[in-house]
Every structure is written in C-alpha cells, then in structure tokens.
Amino acid sequence: MDFLNDWMAEHLPDAFTDDPAVITDFADQVMTAAEKQGLSRRDISEEVGSVFQVILEAIQNRSGRRYYSSRWG
C-alpha cells in the first residue's frame, strides 16, 4: 500500500521503538491522514489488517527510508 509506506517514510522516527503508546499514536495519525486523502479505515484494515502491527514490523524491518511489513507485498 503506497499511501501507508509513503506516510511511514515521512513520519516514523529513525530510532527503533516498540513502545505500544508511541505506535498506537502513529497508527491513529496514519488513519487520520488516510481519511483526509479519501481512504477509509475499513479499506486500509482490509488491505493490511492491523495498522499497529504494520507500523511495528516496519520500524523493525526498515531499509533506508522505505518500510517493509509482511502484511503487504
């Protein structure tokens, strides 16, 4: 999902975090940004499942400024 990957590249910190409160805040921010772009929460959830889990995996598995999650291809 390009929107999610692009958003994470711009907004996630360079430092690793696994703090649930921080990741929950990022998940809320990305969903708000998606809605402003006309993407529904339901569409994103159907595409990637848990946005929280995607962000956590992406932080753990980032390569440069691109983020990767097993939840999308």
N, C-alpha and C. Protein backbone atom coordinates (compact mmCIF):
# COMPACT_ATOMS: atom_id res chain seq x y z
N MET A 1 0.86 -1.18 0.00
CA MET A 1 0.00 0.00 0.00
C MET A 1 0.90 1.23 0.00
N ASP A 2 0.92 1.93 -1.11
CA ASP A 2 1.81 3.07 -1.29
C ASP A 2 1.56 4.18 -0.28
N PHE A 3 0.28 4.49 -0.03
CA PHE A 3 -0.02 5.57 0.91
C PHE A 3 0.62 5.30 2.26
N LEU A 4 0.45 4.11 2.77
CA LEU A 4 0.97 3.76 4.09
C LEU A 4 2.49 3.80 4.12
N ASN A 5 3.12 3.25 3.11
CA ASN A 5 4.57 3.25 3.05
C ASN A 5 5.11 4.68 2.95
N ASP A 6 4.50 5.49 2.11
CA ASP A 6 4.93 6.88 1.97
C ASP A 6 4.75 7.65 3.27
N TRP A 7 3.62 7.44 3.94
CA TRP A 7 3.37 8.13 5.20
C TRP A 7 4.42 7.73 6.24
N MET A 8 4.71 6.45 6.33
CA MET A 8 5.69 6.00 7.32
C MET A 8 7.08 6.56 7.01
N ALA A 9 7.45 6.65 5.75
CA ALA A 9 8.76 7.19 5.38
C ALA A 9 8.90 8.64 5.81
N GLU A 10 7.80 9.37 5.83
CA GLU A 10 7.84 10.78 6.23
C GLU A 10 7.71 10.99 7.73
N HIS A 11 7.02 10.09 8.43
CA HIS A 11 6.63 10.38 9.80
C HIS A 11 7.26 9.51 10.89
N LEU A 12 7.71 8.33 10.55
CA LEU A 12 8.25 7.47 11.60
C LEU A 12 9.66 7.89 11.96
N PRO A 13 10.03 7.70 13.22
CA PRO A 13 11.37 8.10 13.66
C PRO A 13 12.46 7.19 13.09
N ASP A 14 13.66 7.71 13.02
CA ASP A 14 14.79 6.89 12.59
C ASP A 14 15.20 5.89 13.67
N ALA A 15 14.90 6.20 14.90
CA ALA A 15 15.27 5.33 16.01
C ALA A 15 14.20 4.25 16.20
N PHE A 16 14.64 3.08 16.66
CA PHE A 16 13.73 1.97 16.94
C PHE A 16 12.91 2.27 18.18
N THR A 17 11.65 1.92 18.14
CA THR A 17 10.79 1.95 19.32
C THR A 17 9.82 0.79 19.24
N ASP A 18 9.55 0.19 20.39
CA ASP A 18 8.49 -0.82 20.45
C ASP A 18 7.48 -0.43 21.53
N ASP A 19 7.48 0.85 21.89
CA ASP A 19 6.56 1.38 22.90
C ASP A 19 5.14 1.37 22.33
N PRO A 20 4.23 0.59 22.92
CA PRO A 20 2.88 0.49 22.39
C PRO A 20 2.15 1.84 22.31
N ALA A 21 2.39 2.72 23.26
CA ALA A 21 1.72 4.03 23.23
C ALA A 21 2.18 4.85 22.03
N VAL A 22 3.46 4.80 21.73
CA VAL A 22 4.01 5.53 20.59
C VAL A 22 3.46 4.95 19.28
N ILE A 23 3.45 3.65 19.16
CA ILE A 23 2.98 3.00 17.94
C ILE A 23 1.48 3.23 17.76
N THR A 24 0.72 3.19 18.84
CA THR A 24 -0.71 3.49 18.77
C THR A 24 -0.94 4.91 18.28
N ASP A 25 -0.14 5.85 18.76
CA ASP A 25 -0.25 7.24 18.32
C ASP A 25 0.03 7.34 16.81
N PHE A 26 1.09 6.66 16.34
CA PHE A 26 1.37 6.65 14.90
C PHE A 26 0.21 6.05 14.11
N ALA A 27 -0.36 4.96 14.62
CA ALA A 27 -1.49 4.32 13.92
C ALA A 27 -2.67 5.27 13.82
N ASP A 28 -2.95 5.99 14.90
CA ASP A 28 -4.04 6.97 14.87
C ASP A 28 -3.74 8.09 13.86
N GLN A 29 -2.49 8.55 13.84
CA GLN A 29 -2.10 9.61 12.91
C GLN A 29 -2.24 9.16 11.45
N VAL A 30 -1.79 7.95 11.16
CA VAL A 30 -1.86 7.49 9.77
C VAL A 30 -3.31 7.30 9.33
N MET A 31 -4.16 6.83 10.22
CA MET A 31 -5.56 6.65 9.85
C MET A 31 -6.24 7.99 9.62
N THR A 32 -5.92 8.99 10.41
CA THR A 32 -6.47 10.33 10.21
C THR A 32 -6.00 10.90 8.87
N ALA A 33 -4.72 10.73 8.57
CA ALA A 33 -4.17 11.21 7.29
C ALA A 33 -4.81 10.48 6.12
N ALA A 34 -5.04 9.19 6.27
CA ALA A 34 -5.67 8.40 5.20
C ALA A 34 -7.08 8.90 4.92
N GLU A 35 -7.83 9.16 5.98
CA GLU A 35 -9.20 9.65 5.80
C GLU A 35 -9.20 11.00 5.08
N LYS A 36 -8.22 11.84 5.37
CA LYS A 36 -8.11 13.13 4.68
C LYS A 36 -7.81 12.95 3.20
N GLN A 37 -7.21 11.82 2.84
CA GLN A 37 -6.90 11.52 1.44
C GLN A 37 -8.02 10.73 0.77
N GLY A 38 -9.11 10.50 1.51
CA GLY A 38 -10.25 9.78 0.95
C GLY A 38 -10.18 8.27 1.09
N LEU A 39 -9.25 7.78 1.89
CA LEU A 39 -9.13 6.34 2.14
C LEU A 39 -9.83 6.02 3.46
N SER A 40 -10.70 5.04 3.44
CA SER A 40 -11.43 4.70 4.66
C SER A 40 -10.61 3.78 5.55
N ARG A 41 -10.91 3.85 6.84
CA ARG A 41 -10.26 2.95 7.81
C ARG A 41 -10.53 1.50 7.42
N ARG A 42 -11.72 1.24 6.98
CA ARG A 42 -12.09 -0.13 6.61
C ARG A 42 -11.24 -0.63 5.44
N ASP A 43 -11.06 0.22 4.42
CA ASP A 43 -10.25 -0.18 3.26
C ASP A 43 -8.82 -0.49 3.67
N ILE A 44 -8.26 0.34 4.53
CA ILE A 44 -6.88 0.10 4.98
C ILE A 44 -6.81 -1.17 5.80
N SER A 45 -7.74 -1.35 6.71
CA SER A 45 -7.75 -2.56 7.54
C SER A 45 -7.92 -3.82 6.71
N GLU A 46 -8.75 -3.75 5.67
CA GLU A 46 -8.92 -4.91 4.80
C GLU A 46 -7.64 -5.20 4.03
N GLU A 47 -6.90 -4.16 3.68
CA GLU A 47 -5.67 -4.31 2.90
C GLU A 47 -4.51 -4.85 3.75
N VAL A 48 -4.34 -4.30 4.95
CA VAL A 48 -3.15 -4.64 5.74
C VAL A 48 -3.44 -5.30 7.08
N GLY A 49 -4.70 -5.38 7.47
CA GLY A 49 -5.01 -5.93 8.78
C GLY A 49 -4.76 -4.89 9.86
N SER A 50 -3.93 -5.20 10.81
CA SER A 50 -3.64 -4.31 11.93
C SER A 50 -2.60 -3.25 11.53
N VAL A 51 -3.02 -1.99 11.53
CA VAL A 51 -2.09 -0.90 11.23
C VAL A 51 -1.02 -0.83 12.32
N PHE A 52 -1.40 -1.08 13.56
CA PHE A 52 -0.43 -1.12 14.66
C PHE A 52 0.68 -2.12 14.34
N GLN A 53 0.30 -3.32 13.95
CA GLN A 53 1.28 -4.37 13.65
C GLN A 53 2.15 -4.00 12.45
N VAL A 54 1.54 -3.40 11.44
CA VAL A 54 2.30 -2.98 10.26
C VAL A 54 3.36 -1.97 10.66
N ILE A 55 2.99 -0.99 11.48
CA ILE A 55 3.96 0.03 11.89
C ILE A 55 5.06 -0.60 12.72
N LEU A 56 4.72 -1.47 13.66
CA LEU A 56 5.73 -2.14 14.47
C LEU A 56 6.70 -2.93 13.58
N GLU A 57 6.16 -3.74 12.67
CA GLU A 57 7.02 -4.52 11.77
C GLU A 57 7.87 -3.62 10.88
N ALA A 58 7.28 -2.54 10.42
CA ALA A 58 8.01 -1.63 9.53
C ALA A 58 9.19 -0.99 10.25
N ILE A 59 8.99 -0.58 11.48
CA ILE A 59 10.09 0.01 12.25
C ILE A 59 11.19 -1.02 12.46
N GLN A 60 10.81 -2.26 12.73
CA GLN A 60 11.79 -3.31 12.96
C GLN A 60 12.52 -3.73 11.69
N ASN A 61 11.89 -3.55 10.53
CA ASN A 61 12.44 -4.09 9.28
C ASN A 61 12.74 -3.03 8.23
N ARG A 62 12.91 -1.80 8.63
CA ARG A 62 13.11 -0.77 7.62
C ARG A 62 14.46 -0.91 6.94
N SER A 63 14.49 -0.45 5.71
CA SER A 63 15.71 -0.46 4.90
C SER A 63 15.83 0.92 4.28
N GLY A 64 16.75 1.71 4.77
CA GLY A 64 16.84 3.09 4.32
C GLY A 64 15.61 3.84 4.78
N ARG A 65 14.94 4.55 3.89
CA ARG A 65 13.73 5.29 4.24
C ARG A 65 12.48 4.57 3.78
N ARG A 66 12.60 3.33 3.31
CA ARG A 66 11.42 2.55 2.94
C ARG A 66 11.15 1.56 4.06
N TYR A 67 9.90 1.27 4.26
CA TYR A 67 9.49 0.40 5.34
C TYR A 67 8.84 -0.84 4.76
N TYR A 68 9.03 -1.95 5.45
CA TYR A 68 8.53 -3.22 4.94
C TYR A 68 7.75 -3.94 6.03
N SER A 69 6.68 -4.55 5.63
CA SER A 69 5.88 -5.36 6.52
C SER A 69 5.45 -6.61 5.77
N SER A 70 5.31 -7.70 6.48
CA SER A 70 4.84 -8.94 5.87
C SER A 70 3.36 -8.84 5.47
N ARG A 71 2.71 -7.78 5.87
CA ARG A 71 1.28 -7.64 5.62
C ARG A 71 0.94 -7.08 4.24
N TRP A 72 1.95 -6.67 3.48
CA TRP A 72 1.71 -6.29 2.09
C TRP A 72 2.86 -6.75 1.25
N GLY A 73 2.62 -6.87 -0.06
CA GLY A 73 3.57 -7.46 -0.98
C GLY A 73 4.74 -6.70 -1.35
